[in-house]
Amino acid sequence: MKILHFADLHLGVETYGRTDTATGLSTRLLDSLASLDKVVDYAIENSVDLVIFCGDAYKTREPTQTQQREFAKRISRLSAADIPIFLLVGNHDLPNAVGRATSTEIFDTLSVKNVYVSNRPDIFKIPTRGGTVQVASLPWLTRRVLGSREETKNLDFEQMREKLQQTLAGAIEHHISKLDPALPAILAAHVWVTGARVGTEKQMTIGQEHELLLSNVTNPIFDYIALGHIHRHQVLSESPPVVYAGSLSRLDFSDENDEKGFYLVEIGAEKVGGQRPASFEFHPVAGRRFLSIEVSLAAEDADPTATVLKAISAQAKKLKEAIVRLNITLPAELEGQLRDTDIREALEGAHFATVARETVREVRLRLGQFTAEEITPLDALQKYLETKKTPPARARVLMEYGERLIRGDTEN
């Protein structure tokens, strides 16, 4: 059985984009759709048995009609190819209020063939060309799952988080008790598992979220644990496999050095030593590059613009059609000496470019509680003599002469 696992699409991220003249859409939306097309193409061309998406289809909880249309087009292609797709609800897919639909619930409402949507913990038995597979789901949970407001209103943040963790772990234990050991089983979860290395989502106050221990998910009854929510692809356990697919494309500069893509999972038909053999391989998806160029200028630089242009030229191959940020650190005396037009022209090959300057100003030495500008000449002389450890008798004489000079008294 071949299963394709991907997550965290975040359609609607339009930062660093522009309007595409041919379609009228954001180029960043087109980037995400191009990556999704590669996933769909691969699944169809390689006769994948099941596609599992582990949450966060959109950037916001209320995606535009255009974003929903474009996502539905790709899901429809999989459905038409008779490839089941399992859609897990992530935190970005949840509505803002009780009673509102999730952003992917429409597929359930319309009973779209081969599409399974999970917005609450459940077990799905999905028929595929390779046989039936069980998918135990763990979508993103909110405090609403803990019960009424009366039951939770007096809990502080830590107590609330602990309660959610207990609920998550309890949901998994409940799934385990209901699984059929004769069928392959997958746990699909949108959750933060302790020990995962974070990526873009660290900008989303992930440190304040509930989490699961790795031991909560590594039950051998699961042949594969497919995870979403963390944007950096990684393997937390080999047996059974506990895998974050990561975000499908780069979302900001936090992802600059991360490879993006999906996992192809193959699960054996028969158990060996009590567990089905499972292999998994990461397949990179080429997407829009992010590139940072750092330039630090020295005060003695005779042509600071030439230095910046040289640094840009060194990245010429990577710069083409990339999202670029140029960070220039320069001393205050070079302000006004950079030729902005020349720098902008050198960055024209980029898809999107930003230029940031950090001016380093000289910090004046403080003499005691005063700066050199604030201290009087006589006090400055006294501080100087103290730092030189001048003997007291000689210091008194020098201070007397210093005071006379400062006052202009030249007698004797």
Protein backbone atom coordinates (compact mmCIF):
# COMPACT_ATOMS: atom_id res chain seq x y z
CA MET A 1 0.00 0.00 0.00
CA LYS A 2 1.44 3.37 -1.10
CA ILE A 3 0.42 6.45 0.85
CA LEU A 4 1.34 10.07 0.16
CA HIS A 5 1.61 12.26 3.27
CA PHE A 6 1.76 16.06 3.13
CA ALA A 7 0.61 18.97 5.32
CA ASP A 8 0.47 22.71 6.02
CA LEU A 9 -0.39 24.14 2.63
CA HIS A 10 -1.46 27.55 3.97
CA LEU A 11 -3.08 28.81 0.78
CA GLY A 12 -3.44 32.56 1.02
CA VAL A 13 0.05 33.49 2.19
CA GLU A 14 0.73 36.44 -0.10
CA THR A 15 3.65 38.13 1.67
CA TYR A 16 6.49 39.08 -0.70
CA GLY A 17 4.24 38.58 -3.72
CA ARG A 18 2.79 40.69 -6.50
CA THR A 19 -0.22 40.45 -8.78
CA ASP A 20 0.20 38.10 -11.72
CA THR A 21 -0.92 39.99 -14.85
CA ALA A 22 -2.20 36.86 -16.62
CA THR A 23 -4.49 35.60 -13.83
CA GLY A 24 -4.97 38.54 -11.50
CA LEU A 25 -3.93 36.30 -8.60
CA SER A 26 -1.08 36.79 -6.15
CA THR A 27 2.12 35.18 -7.36
CA ARG A 28 2.54 33.69 -3.90
CA LEU A 29 -0.84 31.95 -4.19
CA LEU A 30 0.28 30.62 -7.57
CA ASP A 31 3.51 29.36 -5.94
CA SER A 32 1.51 27.34 -3.39
CA LEU A 33 -0.82 25.97 -6.05
CA ALA A 34 2.13 24.95 -8.22
CA SER A 35 3.53 22.94 -5.31
CA LEU A 36 0.15 21.33 -4.71
CA ASP A 37 -0.09 20.45 -8.42
CA LYS A 38 3.19 18.55 -8.12
CA VAL A 39 1.77 16.51 -5.24
CA VAL A 40 -1.40 15.69 -7.18
CA ASP A 41 0.57 14.86 -10.33
CA TYR A 42 2.86 12.52 -8.41
CA ALA A 43 -0.05 10.73 -6.73
CA ILE A 44 -1.82 10.14 -10.04
CA GLU A 45 1.25 9.21 -12.08
CA ASN A 46 2.49 6.75 -9.45
CA SER A 47 -0.91 5.19 -8.65
CA VAL A 48 -0.79 6.10 -4.97
CA ASP A 49 -3.42 4.24 -2.91
CA LEU A 50 -4.21 7.06 -0.46
CA VAL A 51 -3.32 10.72 0.07
CA ILE A 52 -3.27 12.01 3.66
CA PHE A 53 -3.26 15.76 4.29
CA CYS A 54 -2.52 16.63 7.92
CA GLY A 55 -4.12 20.03 8.27
CA ASP A 56 -3.94 23.79 7.59
CA ALA A 57 -5.23 24.02 4.05
CA TYR A 58 -5.49 27.80 4.22
CA LYS A 59 -3.70 30.67 5.91
CA THR A 60 -6.86 32.08 7.47
CA ARG A 61 -9.99 30.56 8.94
CA GLU A 62 -12.12 32.31 6.33
CA PRO A 63 -10.41 31.74 2.96
CA THR A 64 -11.57 33.60 -0.12
CA GLN A 65 -13.81 31.97 -2.69
CA THR A 66 -10.89 31.93 -5.11
CA GLN A 67 -8.65 30.08 -2.68
CA GLN A 68 -11.40 27.54 -1.99
CA ARG A 69 -12.03 27.08 -5.71
CA GLU A 70 -8.38 26.44 -6.49
CA PHE A 71 -8.00 23.97 -3.63
CA ALA A 72 -11.17 22.14 -4.70
CA LYS A 73 -9.85 21.80 -8.26
CA ARG A 74 -6.86 19.80 -7.02
CA ILE A 75 -8.94 17.65 -4.67
CA SER A 76 -11.33 16.96 -7.55
CA ARG A 77 -8.44 15.69 -9.71
CA LEU A 78 -7.52 13.12 -7.06
CA SER A 79 -11.15 12.11 -6.62
CA ALA A 80 -11.61 11.67 -10.38
CA ALA A 81 -8.48 9.49 -10.48
CA ASP A 82 -10.10 7.21 -7.88
CA ILE A 83 -7.49 8.12 -5.25
CA PRO A 84 -8.99 8.59 -1.77
CA ILE A 85 -7.82 11.71 0.07
CA PHE A 86 -8.08 12.21 3.81
CA LEU A 87 -8.30 15.85 4.98
CA LEU A 88 -7.50 16.59 8.62
CA VAL A 89 -8.60 19.87 10.18
CA GLY A 90 -5.75 22.02 11.51
CA ASN A 91 -5.76 25.09 13.73
CA HIS A 92 -5.93 27.44 10.72
CA ASP A 93 -8.96 25.55 9.39
CA LEU A 94 -11.12 26.06 12.46
CA PRO A 95 -13.93 28.66 12.46
CA ASN A 96 -13.87 31.72 14.70
CA ALA A 97 -17.11 30.82 16.46
CA VAL A 98 -19.07 27.78 17.58
CA GLY A 99 -21.53 26.59 14.97
CA ARG A 100 -19.55 27.78 11.96
CA ALA A 101 -18.21 25.30 9.43
CA THR A 102 -14.52 24.46 9.07
CA SER A 103 -12.87 25.54 5.83
CA THR A 104 -12.78 21.96 4.46
CA GLU A 105 -16.20 20.81 5.65
CA ILE A 106 -17.79 21.56 2.27
CA PHE A 107 -16.40 18.29 0.87
CA ASP A 108 -18.35 16.33 3.48
CA THR A 109 -21.48 18.40 2.93
CA LEU A 110 -21.42 17.67 -0.81
CA SER A 111 -20.45 14.03 -0.24
CA VAL A 112 -17.58 14.33 -2.70
CA LYS A 113 -16.46 10.89 -3.79
CA ASN A 114 -13.20 9.58 -2.25
CA VAL A 115 -12.84 12.58 0.09
CA TYR A 116 -12.81 12.04 3.88
CA VAL A 117 -12.79 15.02 6.26
CA SER A 118 -12.03 14.80 9.98
CA ASN A 119 -12.92 17.72 12.26
CA ARG A 120 -13.10 15.61 15.43
CA PRO A 121 -11.24 12.51 16.70
CA ASP A 122 -12.54 9.47 14.88
CA ILE A 123 -11.53 6.27 13.07
CA PHE A 124 -12.04 6.07 9.31
CA LYS A 125 -11.94 2.78 7.43
CA ILE A 126 -10.98 3.82 3.92
CA PRO A 127 -11.16 1.38 1.00
CA THR A 128 -8.25 1.76 -1.43
CA ARG A 129 -6.92 -0.15 -4.42
CA GLY A 130 -4.37 -1.73 -2.08
CA GLY A 131 -6.96 -2.77 0.52
CA THR A 132 -8.72 -1.15 3.46
CA VAL A 133 -6.72 1.10 5.77
CA GLN A 134 -7.71 2.53 9.14
CA VAL A 135 -6.97 6.21 9.76
CA ALA A 136 -7.26 7.26 13.39
CA SER A 137 -7.65 11.03 13.36
CA LEU A 138 -6.54 13.68 15.82
CA PRO A 139 -7.45 17.11 14.43
CA TRP A 140 -6.55 20.32 16.22
CA LEU A 141 -8.42 20.52 19.49
CA THR A 142 -9.60 23.66 21.29
CA ARG A 143 -10.76 24.29 24.84
CA ARG A 144 -14.34 23.67 23.69
CA VAL A 145 -13.64 19.93 23.75
CA LEU A 146 -13.09 20.12 27.51
CA GLY A 147 -16.74 20.73 28.27
CA SER A 148 -18.82 23.68 29.35
CA ARG A 149 -17.52 27.10 30.25
CA GLU A 150 -18.43 26.42 33.89
CA GLU A 151 -16.05 23.45 33.97
CA THR A 152 -13.08 25.36 32.61
CA LYS A 153 -13.55 29.02 33.57
CA ASN A 154 -11.40 28.78 36.71
CA LEU A 155 -8.49 26.97 35.04
CA ASP A 156 -5.32 29.00 34.50
CA PHE A 157 -3.30 28.70 31.29
CA GLU A 158 -1.07 25.86 32.49
CA GLN A 159 -4.03 23.89 33.84
CA MET A 160 -5.87 24.39 30.56
CA ARG A 161 -2.89 23.19 28.55
CA GLU A 162 -2.45 20.17 30.80
CA LYS A 163 -6.14 19.34 30.43
CA LEU A 164 -5.88 19.50 26.64
CA GLN A 165 -2.81 17.27 26.69
CA GLN A 166 -4.71 14.71 28.75
CA THR A 167 -7.62 14.91 26.31
CA LEU A 168 -5.32 14.34 23.32
CA ALA A 169 -3.61 11.38 24.96
CA GLY A 170 -6.99 9.98 25.98
CA ALA A 171 -8.30 10.28 22.41
CA ILE A 172 -5.35 8.25 21.12
CA GLU A 173 -5.88 5.57 23.77
CA HIS A 174 -9.54 5.39 22.80
CA HIS A 175 -8.57 4.97 19.13
CA ILE A 176 -6.17 2.16 20.00
CA SER A 177 -8.92 0.24 21.77
CA LYS A 178 -11.17 0.46 18.69
CA LEU A 179 -8.65 -0.45 15.95
CA ASP A 180 -8.82 -3.73 14.05
CA PRO A 181 -5.34 -5.33 14.35
CA ALA A 182 -5.96 -7.21 11.09
CA LEU A 183 -5.94 -3.96 9.08
CA PRO A 184 -3.16 -1.42 8.49
CA ALA A 185 -3.51 1.54 10.85
CA ILE A 186 -2.31 5.12 10.56
CA LEU A 187 -2.54 7.90 13.11
CA ALA A 188 -3.06 11.29 11.42
CA ALA A 189 -2.61 14.21 13.83
CA HIS A 190 -2.28 17.98 13.67
CA VAL A 191 -0.39 18.59 16.88
CA TRP A 192 2.91 19.65 18.39
CA VAL A 193 4.92 16.66 19.63
CA THR A 194 7.62 17.40 22.19
CA GLY A 195 11.10 17.35 20.71
CA ALA A 196 10.12 18.56 17.25
CA ARG A 197 12.35 21.23 15.69
CA VAL A 198 10.18 24.19 14.80
CA GLY A 199 10.20 26.28 11.63
CA THR A 200 7.92 29.06 10.38
CA GLU A 201 5.26 28.31 12.97
CA LYS A 202 7.49 29.64 15.76
CA GLN A 203 6.11 33.04 14.77
CA MET A 204 2.65 31.74 15.76
CA THR A 205 3.23 31.58 19.56
CA ILE A 206 3.79 27.85 19.36
CA GLY A 207 5.52 27.89 22.75
CA GLN A 208 2.15 28.51 24.40
CA GLU A 209 0.39 25.55 22.80
CA HIS A 210 -0.56 22.19 24.20
CA GLU A 211 1.67 19.32 23.16
CA LEU A 212 1.96 15.55 23.20
CA LEU A 213 4.85 13.44 24.41
CA LEU A 214 6.44 11.24 21.77
CA SER A 215 5.51 8.24 23.91
CA ASN A 216 1.83 9.19 23.53
CA VAL A 217 1.91 8.46 19.78
CA THR A 218 4.47 5.67 19.34
CA ASN A 219 2.16 2.74 19.90
CA PRO A 220 3.19 -0.26 17.73
CA ILE A 221 -0.41 -0.79 16.65
CA PHE A 222 0.12 2.17 14.29
CA ASP A 223 2.05 1.34 11.14
CA TYR A 224 2.76 5.02 10.48
CA ILE A 225 2.12 8.27 12.37
CA ALA A 226 1.48 11.15 9.95
CA LEU A 227 1.87 14.59 11.55
CA GLY A 228 1.09 18.16 10.59
CA HIS A 229 1.48 21.61 12.23
CA ILE A 230 5.28 21.83 12.48
CA HIS A 231 6.62 23.36 9.26
CA ARG A 232 10.02 21.62 9.18
CA HIS A 233 9.94 18.06 7.82
CA GLN A 234 11.51 15.59 10.24
CA VAL A 235 11.39 12.06 11.59
CA LEU A 236 10.86 11.78 15.35
CA SER A 237 10.86 7.99 15.48
CA GLU A 238 11.80 5.20 13.07
CA SER A 239 9.77 2.37 14.60
CA PRO A 240 6.96 3.02 14.38
CA PRO A 241 7.61 5.94 12.01
CA VAL A 242 6.56 9.29 13.51
CA VAL A 243 6.93 11.86 10.75
CA TYR A 244 6.24 15.54 10.19
CA ALA A 245 5.83 16.26 6.47
CA GLY A 246 6.46 19.97 7.06
CA SER A 247 4.90 22.80 5.06
CA LEU A 248 4.65 22.14 1.33
CA SER A 249 6.33 25.40 0.33
CA ARG A 250 8.48 28.10 1.94
CA LEU A 251 6.33 30.65 3.73
CA ASP A 252 8.91 33.19 4.94
CA PHE A 253 12.62 33.59 5.67
CA SER A 254 12.40 31.14 8.59
CA ASP A 255 12.12 28.48 5.86
CA GLU A 256 15.04 29.80 3.80
CA ASN A 257 17.29 26.78 4.28
CA ASP A 258 14.58 24.13 4.60
CA GLU A 259 13.73 21.59 1.91
CA LYS A 260 10.01 21.33 1.24
CA GLY A 261 8.00 18.42 -0.08
CA PHE A 262 6.05 15.31 0.92
CA TYR A 263 6.61 11.73 2.12
CA LEU A 264 5.82 8.56 0.19
CA VAL A 265 5.00 5.75 2.62
CA GLU A 266 4.86 2.06 1.73
CA ILE A 267 3.25 -0.35 4.19
CA GLY A 268 3.63 -4.10 3.80
CA ALA A 269 0.58 -6.37 3.59
CA GLU A 270 1.66 -8.89 6.25
CA LYS A 271 2.99 -8.38 9.75
CA VAL A 272 6.56 -9.34 10.53
CA GLY A 273 7.30 -9.83 14.22
CA GLY A 274 3.97 -8.35 15.17
CA GLN A 275 4.25 -5.24 12.98
CA ARG A 276 3.86 -4.48 9.29
CA PRO A 277 7.05 -3.27 7.62
CA ALA A 278 6.81 0.39 6.69
CA SER A 279 9.23 2.45 4.62
CA PHE A 280 9.04 6.19 4.01
CA GLU A 281 10.95 8.54 1.75
CA PHE A 282 10.97 12.33 1.51
CA HIS A 283 10.33 13.76 -1.95
CA PRO A 284 11.45 17.39 -2.35
CA VAL A 285 9.23 19.81 -4.24
CA ALA A 286 11.00 22.67 -5.99
CA GLY A 287 9.47 26.00 -4.98
CA ARG A 288 10.19 29.68 -4.63
CA ARG A 289 13.57 30.31 -3.00
CA PHE A 290 14.21 32.72 -0.15
CA LEU A 291 17.65 34.33 -0.07
CA SER A 292 19.33 36.56 2.53
CA ILE A 293 22.37 38.62 1.51
CA GLU A 294 24.37 40.09 4.38
CA VAL A 295 26.82 42.97 3.76
CA SER A 296 28.89 44.63 6.47
CA LEU A 297 30.66 47.83 5.38
CA ALA A 298 33.82 49.22 6.96
CA ALA A 299 34.32 52.92 7.68
CA GLU A 300 37.39 53.04 5.44
CA ASP A 301 35.51 51.62 2.43
CA ALA A 302 36.18 54.04 -0.45
CA ASP A 303 33.26 52.78 -2.57
CA PRO A 304 30.63 51.15 -0.34
CA THR A 305 28.17 50.76 -3.23
CA ALA A 306 30.70 48.67 -5.17
CA THR A 307 31.10 46.42 -2.12
CA VAL A 308 27.34 45.88 -1.93
CA LEU A 309 27.08 45.21 -5.68
CA LYS A 310 29.88 42.65 -5.43
CA ALA A 311 27.99 40.78 -2.70
CA ILE A 312 24.82 40.77 -4.82
CA SER A 313 26.73 39.58 -7.90
CA ALA A 314 28.15 36.63 -5.92
CA GLN A 315 24.56 35.39 -5.42
CA ALA A 316 23.42 36.04 -9.00
CA LYS A 317 22.38 32.44 -9.75
CA LYS A 318 20.41 32.05 -6.54
CA LEU A 319 18.90 35.53 -6.81
CA LYS A 320 16.99 34.96 -10.05
CA GLU A 321 13.22 34.83 -9.31
CA ALA A 322 13.93 34.43 -5.58
CA ILE A 323 12.50 36.41 -2.68
CA VAL A 324 15.51 38.39 -1.48
CA ARG A 325 16.35 40.47 1.55
CA LEU A 326 19.52 42.53 1.46
CA ASN A 327 20.76 43.50 4.92
CA ILE A 328 23.43 46.23 4.96
CA THR A 329 25.30 47.12 8.13
CA LEU A 330 27.26 50.38 7.82
CA PRO A 331 28.95 52.98 10.03
CA ALA A 332 27.25 56.37 10.36
CA GLU A 333 29.93 58.13 8.30
CA LEU A 334 28.92 56.14 5.22
CA GLU A 335 25.29 57.21 5.35
CA GLY A 336 24.36 58.96 2.16
CA GLN A 337 27.22 57.37 0.21
CA LEU A 338 25.23 54.36 -1.07
CA ARG A 339 23.77 54.67 -4.56
CA ASP A 340 20.29 53.25 -4.04
CA THR A 341 19.44 53.22 -7.75
CA ASP A 342 22.44 51.02 -8.58
CA ILE A 343 21.58 48.61 -5.77
CA ARG A 344 17.95 48.35 -6.86
CA GLU A 345 19.01 47.69 -10.45
CA ALA A 346 21.28 44.86 -9.27
CA LEU A 347 18.30 43.23 -7.52
CA GLU A 348 15.96 43.43 -10.53
CA GLY A 349 16.30 39.72 -11.28
CA ALA A 350 14.65 38.84 -7.97
CA HIS A 351 10.95 38.06 -7.74
CA PHE A 352 10.71 40.36 -4.73
CA ALA A 353 13.45 42.25 -2.91
CA THR A 354 13.73 44.27 0.26
CA VAL A 355 16.71 46.35 1.41
CA ALA A 356 17.33 47.03 5.10
CA ARG A 357 20.07 49.23 6.55
CA GLU A 358 21.46 49.07 10.06
CA THR A 359 23.55 52.10 10.93
CA VAL A 360 26.19 51.56 13.61
CA ARG A 361 26.92 54.76 15.51
CA GLU A 362 30.04 55.24 17.58
CA VAL A 363 29.38 54.96 21.28
CA ARG A 364 31.21 57.74 23.08
CA LEU A 365 33.33 56.73 26.05
CA ARG A 366 31.66 57.57 29.34
CA LEU A 367 33.77 59.19 32.01
CA GLY A 368 32.11 58.17 35.21
CA GLN A 369 28.50 59.26 35.02
CA PHE A 370 29.14 61.71 32.15
CA THR A 371 29.84 61.46 28.42
CA ALA A 372 32.73 63.40 26.93
CA GLU A 373 30.24 66.06 25.78
CA GLU A 374 28.72 66.53 29.24
CA ILE A 375 31.82 66.69 31.50
CA THR A 376 33.63 69.99 32.21
CA PRO A 377 37.30 70.36 31.16
CA LEU A 378 38.44 70.48 34.78
CA ASP A 379 36.49 67.36 35.69
CA ALA A 380 37.87 65.66 32.61
CA LEU A 381 41.42 66.46 33.73
CA GLN A 382 40.68 65.07 37.16
CA LYS A 383 39.29 61.84 35.64
CA TYR A 384 42.36 61.58 33.43
CA LEU A 385 44.74 61.91 36.37
CA GLU A 386 42.75 59.28 38.29
CA THR A 387 42.94 56.81 35.43
CA LYS A 388 46.70 57.40 35.20
CA LYS A 389 47.00 56.82 38.96
CA THR A 390 48.90 60.10 39.40
CA PRO A 391 50.25 60.55 42.97
CA PRO A 392 47.95 62.85 45.02
CA ALA A 393 50.54 65.59 45.60
CA ARG A 394 51.42 65.81 41.89
CA ALA A 395 47.75 65.62 40.94
CA ARG A 396 46.98 68.66 43.11
CA VAL A 397 49.69 70.68 41.40
CA LEU A 398 48.54 69.65 37.93
CA MET A 399 44.93 70.47 38.81
CA GLU A 400 45.99 73.97 39.96
CA TYR A 401 47.85 74.62 36.72
CA GLY A 402 44.99 73.16 34.75
CA GLU A 403 42.48 75.44 36.42
CA ARG A 404 44.66 78.50 35.68
CA LEU A 405 44.97 77.54 32.03
CA ILE A 406 41.25 77.01 31.69
CA ARG A 407 40.54 80.42 33.30
CA GLY A 408 43.17 82.09 31.19
CA ASP A 409 45.25 83.09 34.24
CA THR A 410 48.87 83.22 33.02
CA GLU A 411 50.44 84.95 35.99
CA ASN A 412 53.18 82.86 37.62
